[in-house]
N, C-alpha and C. Protein backbone atom coordinates (compact mmCIF):
# COMPACT_ATOMS: atom_id res chain seq x y z
N MET A 1 17.42 7.70 6.05
CA MET A 1 16.61 6.79 6.83
C MET A 1 16.70 7.14 8.31
N MET A 2 15.60 6.95 8.97
CA MET A 2 15.54 7.15 10.40
C MET A 2 15.37 5.80 11.07
N SER A 3 15.67 5.75 12.31
CA SER A 3 15.36 4.54 13.07
C SER A 3 15.19 4.94 14.52
N GLY A 4 14.50 4.10 15.23
CA GLY A 4 14.27 4.40 16.63
C GLY A 4 13.09 3.64 17.16
N SER A 5 12.58 4.10 18.28
CA SER A 5 11.46 3.42 18.91
C SER A 5 10.17 3.77 18.17
N ILE A 6 9.18 2.90 18.31
CA ILE A 6 7.89 3.09 17.66
C ILE A 6 6.98 3.84 18.61
N VAL A 7 6.55 5.01 18.19
CA VAL A 7 5.65 5.84 18.98
C VAL A 7 4.62 6.42 18.02
N GLY A 8 3.35 6.38 18.40
CA GLY A 8 2.32 6.96 17.56
C GLY A 8 0.99 6.27 17.71
N THR A 9 0.04 6.72 16.94
CA THR A 9 -1.29 6.14 16.92
C THR A 9 -1.26 4.93 15.99
N PRO A 10 -1.60 3.74 16.46
CA PRO A 10 -1.41 2.53 15.67
C PRO A 10 -1.97 2.57 14.25
N ILE A 11 -3.16 3.07 14.07
CA ILE A 11 -3.75 3.05 12.73
C ILE A 11 -3.01 3.98 11.76
N HIS A 12 -2.28 4.95 12.28
CA HIS A 12 -1.55 5.90 11.44
C HIS A 12 -0.14 5.42 11.11
N MET A 13 0.25 4.26 11.60
CA MET A 13 1.61 3.76 11.43
C MET A 13 1.73 2.90 10.19
N PRO A 14 2.65 3.27 9.29
CA PRO A 14 2.85 2.46 8.08
C PRO A 14 3.63 1.18 8.39
N PRO A 15 3.53 0.19 7.51
CA PRO A 15 4.19 -1.10 7.76
C PRO A 15 5.69 -0.99 8.01
N GLU A 16 6.39 -0.11 7.30
CA GLU A 16 7.84 -0.04 7.45
C GLU A 16 8.28 0.48 8.80
N LEU A 17 7.37 1.12 9.52
CA LEU A 17 7.72 1.63 10.84
C LEU A 17 8.11 0.48 11.77
N PHE A 18 7.57 -0.70 11.51
CA PHE A 18 7.83 -1.86 12.35
C PHE A 18 9.20 -2.48 12.08
N THR A 19 9.84 -2.08 10.97
CA THR A 19 11.18 -2.59 10.67
C THR A 19 12.25 -1.78 11.39
N GLY A 20 11.89 -0.57 11.83
CA GLY A 20 12.85 0.29 12.50
C GLY A 20 13.60 1.20 11.55
N ASN A 21 13.47 0.97 10.24
CA ASN A 21 14.11 1.82 9.24
C ASN A 21 13.04 2.47 8.38
N TYR A 22 12.97 3.79 8.46
CA TYR A 22 11.93 4.50 7.73
C TYR A 22 12.38 5.93 7.46
N ASP A 23 11.63 6.62 6.62
CA ASP A 23 11.95 8.00 6.29
C ASP A 23 10.70 8.86 6.44
N SER A 24 10.74 10.05 5.90
CA SER A 24 9.63 10.99 6.08
C SER A 24 8.35 10.56 5.37
N SER A 25 8.41 9.51 4.54
CA SER A 25 7.19 9.04 3.89
C SER A 25 6.19 8.47 4.91
N VAL A 26 6.64 8.19 6.14
CA VAL A 26 5.71 7.74 7.17
C VAL A 26 4.67 8.83 7.46
N ASP A 27 5.08 10.09 7.32
CA ASP A 27 4.15 11.20 7.56
C ASP A 27 3.10 11.29 6.46
N VAL A 28 3.49 10.97 5.23
CA VAL A 28 2.53 10.97 4.12
C VAL A 28 1.51 9.85 4.33
N TYR A 29 1.98 8.69 4.78
CA TYR A 29 1.08 7.58 5.10
C TYR A 29 0.06 8.03 6.15
N ALA A 30 0.56 8.63 7.22
CA ALA A 30 -0.33 9.09 8.30
C ALA A 30 -1.31 10.13 7.79
N PHE A 31 -0.86 11.02 6.91
CA PHE A 31 -1.76 12.01 6.32
C PHE A 31 -2.89 11.31 5.56
N GLY A 32 -2.57 10.28 4.80
CA GLY A 32 -3.60 9.55 4.05
C GLY A 32 -4.66 8.97 4.96
N ILE A 33 -4.24 8.45 6.11
CA ILE A 33 -5.20 7.92 7.08
C ILE A 33 -6.03 9.05 7.67
N LEU A 34 -5.38 10.14 8.05
CA LEU A 34 -6.12 11.29 8.59
C LEU A 34 -7.10 11.85 7.56
N PHE A 35 -6.70 11.87 6.31
CA PHE A 35 -7.57 12.36 5.24
C PHE A 35 -8.82 11.48 5.13
N TRP A 36 -8.66 10.18 5.35
CA TRP A 36 -9.82 9.28 5.35
C TRP A 36 -10.81 9.73 6.43
N TYR A 37 -10.29 10.02 7.62
CA TYR A 37 -11.16 10.46 8.71
C TYR A 37 -11.84 11.79 8.39
N VAL A 38 -11.11 12.72 7.80
CA VAL A 38 -11.70 14.01 7.43
C VAL A 38 -12.83 13.80 6.43
N CYS A 39 -12.57 13.01 5.41
CA CYS A 39 -13.59 12.77 4.38
C CYS A 39 -14.76 11.94 4.91
N ALA A 40 -14.48 11.05 5.84
CA ALA A 40 -15.54 10.22 6.42
C ALA A 40 -16.34 10.98 7.47
N ASP A 41 -15.78 12.07 7.98
CA ASP A 41 -16.43 12.88 9.00
C ASP A 41 -16.79 12.04 10.23
N THR A 42 -15.79 11.28 10.70
CA THR A 42 -16.02 10.41 11.84
C THR A 42 -14.73 10.23 12.64
N VAL A 43 -14.88 9.81 13.88
CA VAL A 43 -13.73 9.42 14.70
C VAL A 43 -13.76 7.92 14.98
N ARG A 44 -14.69 7.24 14.37
CA ARG A 44 -14.80 5.79 14.54
C ARG A 44 -13.77 5.09 13.68
N LEU A 45 -13.33 3.94 14.15
CA LEU A 45 -12.39 3.14 13.36
C LEU A 45 -13.02 2.77 12.03
N PRO A 46 -12.22 2.72 10.97
CA PRO A 46 -12.74 2.17 9.72
C PRO A 46 -13.24 0.75 9.96
N HIS A 47 -14.27 0.37 9.25
CA HIS A 47 -14.87 -0.96 9.41
C HIS A 47 -13.81 -2.06 9.29
N ASN A 48 -12.85 -1.88 8.38
CA ASN A 48 -11.83 -2.91 8.17
C ASN A 48 -10.98 -3.17 9.41
N PHE A 49 -11.01 -2.27 10.39
CA PHE A 49 -10.22 -2.44 11.60
C PHE A 49 -11.07 -2.72 12.84
N GLU A 50 -12.38 -2.76 12.69
CA GLU A 50 -13.25 -2.96 13.85
C GLU A 50 -13.03 -4.29 14.55
N LYS A 51 -12.63 -5.30 13.81
CA LYS A 51 -12.43 -6.63 14.41
C LYS A 51 -11.14 -6.70 15.23
N CYS A 52 -10.29 -5.69 15.11
CA CYS A 52 -9.03 -5.67 15.87
C CYS A 52 -9.33 -5.38 17.33
N SER A 53 -8.93 -6.29 18.19
CA SER A 53 -9.24 -6.15 19.61
C SER A 53 -8.11 -5.52 20.42
N SER A 54 -6.98 -5.28 19.77
CA SER A 54 -5.83 -4.71 20.48
C SER A 54 -4.92 -3.98 19.50
N LYS A 55 -3.95 -3.26 20.05
CA LYS A 55 -2.96 -2.60 19.19
C LYS A 55 -2.21 -3.63 18.36
N ASP A 56 -1.84 -4.74 18.97
CA ASP A 56 -1.09 -5.77 18.25
C ASP A 56 -1.89 -6.31 17.07
N ALA A 57 -3.18 -6.53 17.27
CA ALA A 57 -4.02 -7.03 16.18
C ALA A 57 -4.12 -5.99 15.06
N LEU A 58 -4.22 -4.73 15.44
CA LEU A 58 -4.30 -3.66 14.44
C LEU A 58 -2.99 -3.57 13.67
N TRP A 59 -1.86 -3.59 14.38
CA TRP A 59 -0.56 -3.53 13.72
C TRP A 59 -0.38 -4.70 12.76
N SER A 60 -0.80 -5.89 13.16
CA SER A 60 -0.70 -7.06 12.28
C SER A 60 -1.52 -6.85 11.02
N SER A 61 -2.70 -6.29 11.17
CA SER A 61 -3.55 -6.01 10.00
C SER A 61 -2.88 -5.04 9.05
N VAL A 62 -2.31 -3.97 9.59
CA VAL A 62 -1.62 -2.97 8.76
C VAL A 62 -0.45 -3.62 8.02
N LYS A 63 0.33 -4.42 8.72
CA LYS A 63 1.48 -5.09 8.09
C LYS A 63 1.03 -6.03 6.98
N ARG A 64 -0.17 -6.60 7.10
CA ARG A 64 -0.71 -7.49 6.06
C ARG A 64 -1.34 -6.71 4.91
N GLY A 65 -1.37 -5.39 4.99
CA GLY A 65 -1.89 -4.59 3.89
C GLY A 65 -3.32 -4.11 4.06
N VAL A 66 -3.92 -4.36 5.21
CA VAL A 66 -5.29 -3.88 5.44
C VAL A 66 -5.26 -2.36 5.56
N ARG A 67 -6.19 -1.72 4.87
CA ARG A 67 -6.32 -0.27 4.91
C ARG A 67 -7.80 0.07 5.09
N PRO A 68 -8.10 1.33 5.42
CA PRO A 68 -9.51 1.72 5.55
C PRO A 68 -10.27 1.47 4.25
N GLU A 69 -11.54 1.20 4.39
CA GLU A 69 -12.40 0.93 3.24
C GLU A 69 -12.86 2.23 2.58
N ARG A 70 -13.24 2.10 1.33
CA ARG A 70 -13.81 3.25 0.62
C ARG A 70 -15.27 3.37 1.02
N LEU A 71 -15.65 4.57 1.42
CA LEU A 71 -17.05 4.84 1.72
C LEU A 71 -17.74 5.28 0.43
N PRO A 72 -19.02 4.99 0.27
CA PRO A 72 -19.73 5.26 -0.98
C PRO A 72 -19.65 6.71 -1.47
N ALA A 73 -19.60 7.65 -0.57
CA ALA A 73 -19.64 9.05 -0.99
C ALA A 73 -18.26 9.63 -1.34
N PHE A 74 -17.18 8.87 -1.14
CA PHE A 74 -15.86 9.38 -1.50
C PHE A 74 -15.77 9.52 -3.01
N THR A 75 -15.27 10.66 -3.46
CA THR A 75 -15.04 10.82 -4.89
C THR A 75 -13.82 9.99 -5.29
N ASP A 76 -13.71 9.73 -6.58
CA ASP A 76 -12.54 9.00 -7.06
C ASP A 76 -11.25 9.75 -6.72
N GLN A 77 -11.29 11.08 -6.82
CA GLN A 77 -10.10 11.88 -6.54
C GLN A 77 -9.67 11.75 -5.08
N CYS A 78 -10.62 11.81 -4.17
CA CYS A 78 -10.30 11.65 -2.74
C CYS A 78 -9.75 10.26 -2.46
N TRP A 79 -10.41 9.26 -2.99
CA TRP A 79 -10.00 7.88 -2.76
C TRP A 79 -8.61 7.62 -3.34
N ASP A 80 -8.36 8.12 -4.55
CA ASP A 80 -7.04 7.92 -5.16
C ASP A 80 -5.94 8.57 -4.32
N LEU A 81 -6.21 9.75 -3.79
CA LEU A 81 -5.22 10.43 -2.96
C LEU A 81 -4.93 9.61 -1.70
N MET A 82 -5.98 9.14 -1.04
CA MET A 82 -5.79 8.32 0.16
C MET A 82 -4.94 7.10 -0.14
N ARG A 83 -5.33 6.36 -1.18
CA ARG A 83 -4.64 5.12 -1.52
C ARG A 83 -3.18 5.37 -1.91
N HIS A 84 -2.94 6.46 -2.60
CA HIS A 84 -1.58 6.80 -2.99
C HIS A 84 -0.75 7.09 -1.74
N CYS A 85 -1.32 7.81 -0.79
CA CYS A 85 -0.60 8.17 0.44
C CYS A 85 -0.29 6.96 1.31
N TRP A 86 -1.18 5.99 1.36
CA TRP A 86 -0.93 4.85 2.24
C TRP A 86 -0.45 3.61 1.47
N ASP A 87 0.16 3.84 0.32
CA ASP A 87 0.75 2.75 -0.45
C ASP A 87 1.71 1.96 0.45
N GLY A 88 1.72 0.65 0.32
CA GLY A 88 2.58 -0.19 1.13
C GLY A 88 4.06 -0.02 0.83
N LEU A 89 4.38 0.54 -0.34
CA LEU A 89 5.78 0.80 -0.70
C LEU A 89 6.07 2.29 -0.53
N PRO A 90 6.91 2.64 0.42
CA PRO A 90 7.17 4.06 0.71
C PRO A 90 7.61 4.87 -0.51
N ASP A 91 8.39 4.26 -1.40
CA ASP A 91 8.87 4.99 -2.57
C ASP A 91 7.76 5.36 -3.54
N ARG A 92 6.61 4.72 -3.42
CA ARG A 92 5.49 5.01 -4.32
C ARG A 92 4.55 6.07 -3.76
N ARG A 93 4.78 6.49 -2.53
CA ARG A 93 3.96 7.54 -1.93
C ARG A 93 4.39 8.90 -2.47
N PRO A 94 3.46 9.84 -2.54
CA PRO A 94 3.85 11.18 -3.00
C PRO A 94 4.72 11.87 -1.97
N LEU A 95 5.49 12.83 -2.44
CA LEU A 95 6.23 13.69 -1.52
C LEU A 95 5.25 14.69 -0.91
N PRO A 96 5.50 15.14 0.30
CA PRO A 96 4.56 16.08 0.93
C PRO A 96 4.20 17.28 0.05
N GLY A 97 5.18 17.87 -0.61
CA GLY A 97 4.92 19.03 -1.46
C GLY A 97 4.07 18.70 -2.67
N ASP A 98 4.09 17.45 -3.10
CA ASP A 98 3.30 17.04 -4.26
C ASP A 98 1.82 16.89 -3.93
N LEU A 99 1.48 16.88 -2.65
CA LEU A 99 0.08 16.76 -2.24
C LEU A 99 -0.69 18.06 -2.44
N LEU A 100 0.00 19.17 -2.36
CA LEU A 100 -0.65 20.48 -2.38
C LEU A 100 -1.53 20.71 -3.61
N PRO A 101 -1.06 20.48 -4.84
CA PRO A 101 -1.93 20.73 -6.00
C PRO A 101 -3.21 19.89 -5.97
N THR A 102 -3.10 18.65 -5.56
CA THR A 102 -4.29 17.79 -5.48
C THR A 102 -5.25 18.29 -4.42
N LEU A 103 -4.73 18.66 -3.27
CA LEU A 103 -5.59 19.18 -2.20
C LEU A 103 -6.24 20.50 -2.61
N GLN A 104 -5.50 21.34 -3.31
CA GLN A 104 -6.08 22.60 -3.78
C GLN A 104 -7.20 22.35 -4.78
N ALA A 105 -7.02 21.37 -5.66
CA ALA A 105 -8.07 21.04 -6.63
C ALA A 105 -9.31 20.48 -5.94
N LEU A 106 -9.11 19.63 -4.94
CA LEU A 106 -10.25 19.08 -4.19
C LEU A 106 -10.99 20.18 -3.45
N LEU A 107 -10.25 21.11 -2.87
CA LEU A 107 -10.86 22.22 -2.15
C LEU A 107 -11.63 23.12 -3.11
N ALA A 108 -11.06 23.41 -4.27
CA ALA A 108 -11.75 24.24 -5.26
C ALA A 108 -13.04 23.57 -5.72
N GLU A 109 -12.99 22.27 -5.92
CA GLU A 109 -14.18 21.51 -6.31
C GLU A 109 -15.25 21.59 -5.23
N ALA A 110 -14.83 21.44 -3.98
CA ALA A 110 -15.78 21.50 -2.86
C ALA A 110 -16.40 22.88 -2.74
N ARG A 111 -15.61 23.90 -2.94
CA ARG A 111 -16.13 25.27 -2.84
C ARG A 111 -17.07 25.60 -3.99
N ALA A 112 -16.82 25.04 -5.15
CA ALA A 112 -17.66 25.31 -6.32
C ALA A 112 -19.01 24.62 -6.23
N ALA A 113 -19.09 23.55 -5.48
CA ALA A 113 -20.33 22.79 -5.37
C ALA A 113 -20.60 22.48 -3.91
N PRO A 114 -21.00 23.49 -3.10
CA PRO A 114 -21.16 23.26 -1.66
C PRO A 114 -22.18 22.19 -1.30
N ALA A 115 -23.16 21.94 -2.16
CA ALA A 115 -24.16 20.91 -1.86
C ALA A 115 -23.59 19.51 -2.07
N SER A 116 -22.47 19.42 -2.77
CA SER A 116 -21.86 18.13 -3.06
C SER A 116 -20.35 18.23 -2.87
N PRO A 117 -19.87 18.24 -1.61
CA PRO A 117 -18.44 18.41 -1.36
C PRO A 117 -17.61 17.32 -2.02
N ALA A 118 -16.36 17.65 -2.29
CA ALA A 118 -15.45 16.71 -2.95
C ALA A 118 -15.32 15.43 -2.14
N CYS A 119 -15.29 15.54 -0.84
CA CYS A 119 -15.20 14.37 0.03
C CYS A 119 -16.38 14.43 0.99
N GLN A 120 -17.46 13.80 0.61
CA GLN A 120 -18.68 13.86 1.40
C GLN A 120 -18.84 12.56 2.16
N ALA A 121 -19.16 12.65 3.41
CA ALA A 121 -19.30 11.45 4.24
C ALA A 121 -20.55 10.68 3.85
N GLY A 122 -20.42 9.38 3.90
CA GLY A 122 -21.55 8.51 3.65
C GLY A 122 -22.14 8.00 4.94
N GLY A 123 -21.84 8.66 6.02
CA GLY A 123 -22.28 8.21 7.33
C GLY A 123 -21.15 7.49 8.03
N PRO A 124 -20.99 7.72 9.30
CA PRO A 124 -19.86 7.11 10.00
C PRO A 124 -20.02 5.61 10.14
N PRO A 125 -18.91 4.88 10.02
CA PRO A 125 -18.99 3.45 10.26
C PRO A 125 -19.33 3.22 11.73
N SER A 126 -20.04 2.16 12.00
CA SER A 126 -20.35 1.85 13.39
C SER A 126 -19.19 1.08 13.99
N GLY A 127 -19.13 1.06 15.29
CA GLY A 127 -18.11 0.24 15.93
C GLY A 127 -17.25 1.01 16.90
N HIS A 128 -16.02 0.56 17.03
CA HIS A 128 -15.08 1.11 18.00
C HIS A 128 -14.63 2.52 17.64
N LEU A 129 -14.32 3.28 18.68
CA LEU A 129 -13.68 4.57 18.49
C LEU A 129 -12.18 4.34 18.38
N VAL A 130 -11.49 5.25 17.69
CA VAL A 130 -10.04 5.15 17.59
C VAL A 130 -9.42 5.09 18.98
N SER A 131 -9.95 5.87 19.90
CA SER A 131 -9.39 5.92 21.25
C SER A 131 -9.52 4.58 21.98
N ASP A 132 -10.39 3.70 21.51
CA ASP A 132 -10.53 2.39 22.15
C ASP A 132 -9.25 1.56 22.05
N LEU A 133 -8.43 1.82 21.04
CA LEU A 133 -7.21 1.04 20.85
C LEU A 133 -5.96 1.77 21.29
N LEU A 134 -6.11 2.95 21.86
CA LEU A 134 -4.94 3.72 22.29
C LEU A 134 -4.50 3.32 23.68
């Protein structure tokens, strides 16, 4: 377990980070959030966080279990990976090395069907930019 001060981008911070005791699974959580942005092809906040007017409001939402929404064009495989990575229980998140086979399969699927990528954006959500809360 690690402990220390809280530093980072609020939306990428898992709930346990606020307890001060956490391990490397915080990085898997952050990856899941980043993967949402990659698949959504946007830098805008997920709609579920647009109502947050400050870092504190966003952190409260995360602690209550709010996560980014599924966009219509996300495949089940992409969505399952995201949800698994940002599970509220750190022990249920995959280990970093366990992500590789899933990512390789998603990439192979995207390469095999370029007109229909594995994680295709359904259009960016409207609203605040991530930088608005930094």
